[in-house]
N, C-alpha and C. Protein backbone atom coordinates (compact mmCIF):
# COMPACT_ATOMS: atom_id res chain seq x y z
N UNK A 1 6.18 -4.72 26.24
CA UNK A 1 6.54 -3.86 25.13
C UNK A 1 5.98 -2.46 25.40
N UNK A 2 6.76 -1.50 25.07
CA UNK A 2 6.40 -0.09 25.33
C UNK A 2 5.49 0.44 24.23
N UNK A 3 4.54 1.28 24.62
CA UNK A 3 3.66 1.92 23.64
C UNK A 3 4.41 3.03 22.92
N UNK A 4 4.11 3.17 21.64
CA UNK A 4 4.73 4.19 20.81
C UNK A 4 3.64 5.17 20.36
N UNK A 5 3.93 6.45 20.48
CA UNK A 5 2.99 7.48 20.04
C UNK A 5 3.42 7.92 18.64
N UNK A 6 2.47 7.86 17.72
CA UNK A 6 2.74 8.20 16.32
C UNK A 6 1.68 9.17 15.83
N UNK A 7 2.10 10.22 15.18
CA UNK A 7 1.16 11.19 14.61
C UNK A 7 0.96 10.85 13.14
N UNK A 8 -0.31 10.71 12.76
CA UNK A 8 -0.65 10.38 11.38
C UNK A 8 -1.68 11.38 10.88
N UNK A 9 -1.83 11.40 9.55
CA UNK A 9 -2.81 12.29 8.94
C UNK A 9 -3.83 11.44 8.21
N UNK A 10 -5.11 11.61 8.59
CA UNK A 10 -6.21 10.89 7.96
C UNK A 10 -7.28 11.91 7.61
N UNK A 11 -7.67 11.92 6.35
CA UNK A 11 -8.70 12.83 5.85
C UNK A 11 -8.37 14.28 6.19
N UNK A 12 -7.11 14.63 6.06
CA UNK A 12 -6.69 16.01 6.27
C UNK A 12 -6.51 16.43 7.72
N UNK A 13 -6.76 15.52 8.67
CA UNK A 13 -6.60 15.85 10.08
C UNK A 13 -5.51 15.00 10.69
N UNK A 14 -4.79 15.60 11.62
CA UNK A 14 -3.75 14.85 12.32
C UNK A 14 -4.30 14.18 13.56
N UNK A 15 -3.84 12.96 13.77
CA UNK A 15 -4.24 12.18 14.94
C UNK A 15 -2.98 11.62 15.60
N UNK A 16 -2.94 11.70 16.91
CA UNK A 16 -1.84 11.08 17.67
C UNK A 16 -2.35 9.72 18.14
N UNK A 17 -1.76 8.67 17.60
CA UNK A 17 -2.18 7.32 17.94
C UNK A 17 -1.12 6.67 18.82
N UNK A 18 -1.55 5.95 19.83
CA UNK A 18 -0.65 5.23 20.72
C UNK A 18 -0.86 3.75 20.50
N UNK A 19 0.25 3.03 20.28
CA UNK A 19 0.14 1.62 19.93
C UNK A 19 1.40 0.87 20.33
N UNK A 20 1.25 -0.44 20.48
CA UNK A 20 2.41 -1.30 20.70
C UNK A 20 3.10 -1.62 19.37
N UNK A 21 2.43 -1.28 18.27
CA UNK A 21 2.99 -1.53 16.95
C UNK A 21 4.02 -0.46 16.58
N UNK A 22 4.82 -0.78 15.58
CA UNK A 22 5.85 0.17 15.15
C UNK A 22 5.20 1.39 14.49
N UNK A 23 5.94 2.48 14.47
CA UNK A 23 5.46 3.70 13.81
C UNK A 23 5.21 3.43 12.33
N UNK A 24 6.07 2.62 11.71
CA UNK A 24 5.91 2.29 10.30
C UNK A 24 4.57 1.59 10.07
N UNK A 25 4.23 0.65 10.93
CA UNK A 25 2.95 -0.06 10.79
C UNK A 25 1.78 0.90 10.97
N UNK A 26 1.84 1.76 11.96
CA UNK A 26 0.75 2.72 12.22
C UNK A 26 0.59 3.66 11.03
N UNK A 27 1.69 4.07 10.42
CA UNK A 27 1.61 4.92 9.22
C UNK A 27 0.96 4.17 8.06
N UNK A 28 1.30 2.89 7.90
CA UNK A 28 0.68 2.07 6.85
C UNK A 28 -0.82 1.95 7.09
N UNK A 29 -1.18 1.72 8.33
CA UNK A 29 -2.59 1.60 8.71
C UNK A 29 -3.34 2.91 8.40
N UNK A 30 -2.76 4.02 8.81
CA UNK A 30 -3.38 5.32 8.57
C UNK A 30 -3.50 5.60 7.07
N UNK A 31 -2.49 5.22 6.31
CA UNK A 31 -2.53 5.44 4.86
C UNK A 31 -3.65 4.63 4.22
N UNK A 32 -3.86 3.41 4.70
CA UNK A 32 -4.95 2.58 4.19
C UNK A 32 -6.30 3.24 4.48
N UNK A 33 -6.51 3.66 5.72
CA UNK A 33 -7.77 4.30 6.10
C UNK A 33 -7.96 5.58 5.29
N UNK A 34 -6.93 6.39 5.17
CA UNK A 34 -7.01 7.64 4.42
C UNK A 34 -7.37 7.37 2.97
N UNK A 35 -6.72 6.37 2.37
CA UNK A 35 -6.98 6.05 0.96
C UNK A 35 -8.43 5.58 0.78
N UNK A 36 -8.90 4.72 1.69
CA UNK A 36 -10.28 4.23 1.59
C UNK A 36 -11.29 5.35 1.77
N UNK A 37 -11.03 6.25 2.73
CA UNK A 37 -11.93 7.40 2.93
C UNK A 37 -11.96 8.28 1.69
N UNK A 38 -10.81 8.52 1.11
CA UNK A 38 -10.73 9.35 -0.09
C UNK A 38 -11.48 8.71 -1.24
N UNK A 39 -11.28 7.40 -1.45
CA UNK A 39 -11.99 6.70 -2.52
C UNK A 39 -13.50 6.79 -2.34
N UNK A 40 -13.95 6.56 -1.11
CA UNK A 40 -15.39 6.59 -0.84
C UNK A 40 -15.95 8.00 -1.02
N UNK A 41 -15.24 8.99 -0.56
CA UNK A 41 -15.75 10.36 -0.66
C UNK A 41 -15.78 10.85 -2.10
N UNK A 42 -14.87 10.36 -2.94
CA UNK A 42 -14.86 10.76 -4.35
C UNK A 42 -15.96 10.07 -5.15
N UNK A 43 -16.41 8.90 -4.67
CA UNK A 43 -17.41 8.15 -5.43
C UNK A 43 -18.84 8.38 -4.94
N UNK A 44 -19.01 9.19 -3.90
CA UNK A 44 -20.35 9.44 -3.37
C UNK A 44 -20.50 10.93 -3.04
N UNK A 45 -21.72 11.31 -2.76
CA UNK A 45 -22.00 12.68 -2.34
C UNK A 45 -22.55 12.68 -0.92
N UNK A 46 -21.94 11.90 -0.07
CA UNK A 46 -22.41 11.76 1.30
C UNK A 46 -21.65 12.69 2.23
N UNK A 47 -22.19 12.86 3.41
CA UNK A 47 -21.51 13.68 4.41
C UNK A 47 -20.25 12.96 4.89
N UNK A 48 -19.38 13.69 5.54
CA UNK A 48 -18.14 13.11 6.05
C UNK A 48 -18.43 11.97 7.02
N UNK A 49 -19.44 12.13 7.86
CA UNK A 49 -19.79 11.07 8.81
C UNK A 49 -20.28 9.83 8.08
N UNK A 50 -21.12 10.00 7.08
CA UNK A 50 -21.62 8.85 6.32
C UNK A 50 -20.48 8.15 5.58
N UNK A 51 -19.57 8.93 5.03
CA UNK A 51 -18.40 8.35 4.35
C UNK A 51 -17.57 7.54 5.35
N UNK A 52 -17.38 8.08 6.54
CA UNK A 52 -16.61 7.37 7.57
C UNK A 52 -17.28 6.06 7.94
N UNK A 53 -18.60 6.07 8.09
CA UNK A 53 -19.32 4.84 8.45
C UNK A 53 -19.24 3.83 7.32
N UNK A 54 -19.50 4.25 6.10
CA UNK A 54 -19.44 3.32 4.97
C UNK A 54 -18.03 2.76 4.77
N UNK A 55 -17.04 3.61 4.97
CA UNK A 55 -15.65 3.14 4.86
C UNK A 55 -15.35 2.12 5.95
N UNK A 56 -15.84 2.37 7.15
CA UNK A 56 -15.65 1.42 8.25
C UNK A 56 -16.31 0.08 7.93
N UNK A 57 -17.51 0.14 7.37
CA UNK A 57 -18.22 -1.09 7.01
C UNK A 57 -17.44 -1.85 5.94
N UNK A 58 -16.91 -1.14 4.96
CA UNK A 58 -16.14 -1.78 3.89
C UNK A 58 -14.87 -2.42 4.45
N UNK A 59 -14.17 -1.73 5.32
CA UNK A 59 -12.95 -2.28 5.92
C UNK A 59 -13.30 -3.49 6.78
N UNK A 60 -14.40 -3.42 7.53
CA UNK A 60 -14.83 -4.56 8.35
C UNK A 60 -15.21 -5.74 7.46
N UNK A 61 -15.86 -5.48 6.34
CA UNK A 61 -16.20 -6.53 5.38
C UNK A 61 -14.94 -7.21 4.86
N UNK A 62 -13.96 -6.42 4.48
CA UNK A 62 -12.69 -6.98 4.00
C UNK A 62 -12.03 -7.84 5.08
N UNK A 63 -12.07 -7.36 6.32
CA UNK A 63 -11.45 -8.08 7.42
C UNK A 63 -12.15 -9.42 7.67
N UNK A 64 -13.49 -9.41 7.70
CA UNK A 64 -14.23 -10.65 7.93
C UNK A 64 -14.01 -11.66 6.80
N UNK A 65 -13.96 -11.17 5.57
CA UNK A 65 -13.69 -12.07 4.44
C UNK A 65 -12.29 -12.66 4.55
N UNK A 66 -11.33 -11.85 4.97
CA UNK A 66 -9.96 -12.35 5.16
C UNK A 66 -9.92 -13.38 6.28
N UNK A 67 -10.64 -13.12 7.37
CA UNK A 67 -10.69 -14.08 8.47
C UNK A 67 -11.33 -15.40 8.02
N UNK A 68 -12.39 -15.31 7.22
CA UNK A 68 -13.02 -16.53 6.70
C UNK A 68 -12.05 -17.30 5.82
N UNK A 69 -11.28 -16.59 5.02
CA UNK A 69 -10.29 -17.24 4.15
C UNK A 69 -9.20 -17.90 4.98
N UNK A 70 -8.75 -17.25 6.04
CA UNK A 70 -7.75 -17.84 6.93
C UNK A 70 -8.30 -19.11 7.56
N UNK A 71 -9.55 -19.07 8.02
CA UNK A 71 -10.19 -20.24 8.61
C UNK A 71 -10.25 -21.38 7.60
N UNK A 72 -10.64 -21.07 6.37
CA UNK A 72 -10.72 -22.08 5.32
C UNK A 72 -9.34 -22.68 5.04
N UNK A 73 -8.33 -21.83 4.94
CA UNK A 73 -6.98 -22.31 4.67
C UNK A 73 -6.43 -23.15 5.81
N UNK A 74 -6.74 -22.77 7.05
CA UNK A 74 -6.32 -23.57 8.20
C UNK A 74 -6.97 -24.95 8.16
N UNK A 75 -8.26 -24.99 7.80
CA UNK A 75 -8.96 -26.26 7.69
C UNK A 75 -8.32 -27.13 6.61
N UNK A 76 -8.04 -26.53 5.45
CA UNK A 76 -7.39 -27.27 4.36
C UNK A 76 -6.01 -27.76 4.78
N UNK A 77 -5.28 -26.94 5.50
CA UNK A 77 -3.96 -27.34 5.98
C UNK A 77 -4.07 -28.52 6.93
N UNK A 78 -5.04 -28.47 7.82
CA UNK A 78 -5.26 -29.58 8.75
C UNK A 78 -5.59 -30.86 8.01
N UNK A 79 -6.44 -30.75 6.99
CA UNK A 79 -6.80 -31.92 6.19
C UNK A 79 -5.58 -32.46 5.44
N UNK A 80 -4.77 -31.56 4.89
CA UNK A 80 -3.57 -31.97 4.17
C UNK A 80 -2.57 -32.65 5.11
N UNK A 81 -2.44 -32.12 6.32
CA UNK A 81 -1.54 -32.75 7.30
C UNK A 81 -2.03 -34.14 7.67
N UNK A 82 -3.35 -34.27 7.85
CA UNK A 82 -3.91 -35.58 8.19
C UNK A 82 -3.67 -36.57 7.06
N UNK A 83 -3.89 -36.13 5.82
CA UNK A 83 -3.66 -36.99 4.66
C UNK A 83 -2.18 -37.38 4.57
N UNK A 84 -1.30 -36.43 4.83
CA UNK A 84 0.13 -36.71 4.78
C UNK A 84 0.51 -37.74 5.84
N UNK A 85 -0.06 -37.63 7.04
CA UNK A 85 0.21 -38.59 8.10
C UNK A 85 -0.25 -39.98 7.69
N UNK A 86 -1.44 -40.06 7.10
CA UNK A 86 -1.97 -41.34 6.63
C UNK A 86 -1.08 -41.93 5.54
N UNK A 87 -0.63 -41.09 4.62
CA UNK A 87 0.24 -41.56 3.54
C UNK A 87 1.59 -42.05 4.07
N UNK A 88 2.10 -41.35 5.09
CA UNK A 88 3.36 -41.79 5.70
C UNK A 88 3.19 -43.16 6.34
N UNK A 89 2.04 -43.38 7.00
CA UNK A 89 1.77 -44.69 7.60
C UNK A 89 1.70 -45.78 6.54
N UNK A 90 1.00 -45.46 5.44
CA UNK A 90 0.89 -46.43 4.34
C UNK A 90 2.27 -46.73 3.75
N UNK A 91 3.08 -45.70 3.58
CA UNK A 91 4.42 -45.88 3.03
C UNK A 91 5.26 -46.74 3.96
N UNK A 92 5.19 -46.47 5.25
CA UNK A 92 5.94 -47.26 6.23
C UNK A 92 5.49 -48.72 6.20
N UNK A 93 4.18 -48.93 6.07
CA UNK A 93 3.65 -50.30 6.02
C UNK A 93 4.13 -51.00 4.75
N UNK A 94 4.13 -50.30 3.62
CA UNK A 94 4.60 -50.89 2.36
C UNK A 94 6.09 -51.21 2.43
N UNK A 95 6.85 -50.32 3.01
CA UNK A 95 8.29 -50.55 3.15
C UNK A 95 8.56 -51.77 4.04
N UNK A 96 7.80 -51.85 5.13
CA UNK A 96 7.96 -52.98 6.06
C UNK A 96 7.58 -54.28 5.34
N UNK A 97 6.56 -54.26 4.54
CA UNK A 97 6.11 -55.43 3.79
C UNK A 97 7.14 -55.86 2.77
N UNK A 98 7.78 -54.90 2.12
CA UNK A 98 8.78 -55.20 1.08
C UNK A 98 10.09 -55.70 1.65
N UNK A 99 10.39 -55.38 2.90
CA UNK A 99 11.65 -55.84 3.52
C UNK A 99 11.54 -57.24 4.08
N UNK A 100 10.36 -57.81 4.10
CA UNK A 100 10.16 -59.17 4.63
C UNK A 100 10.51 -60.21 3.63
């Protein structure tokens, strides 16, 4: 897949980003970062660098929590699949018993 160069605006500055993702996705990503930076800068009196670091930590926190949730849901799905397999076996055994 070819890399796409996309120019985005974050915190009032333009950045040329190169990615395998679509330009639409890169714009969505930049908009999220820009929105988070703006929210953090409006709620604190920190320097731009401190705001960038705190925003990065918040985004990383959100990402790790989402990854933990995905892991939990995958585990639940695996358990549900195992239970479904066991129930199918029980159903097949009951059907076989009733046909005798």
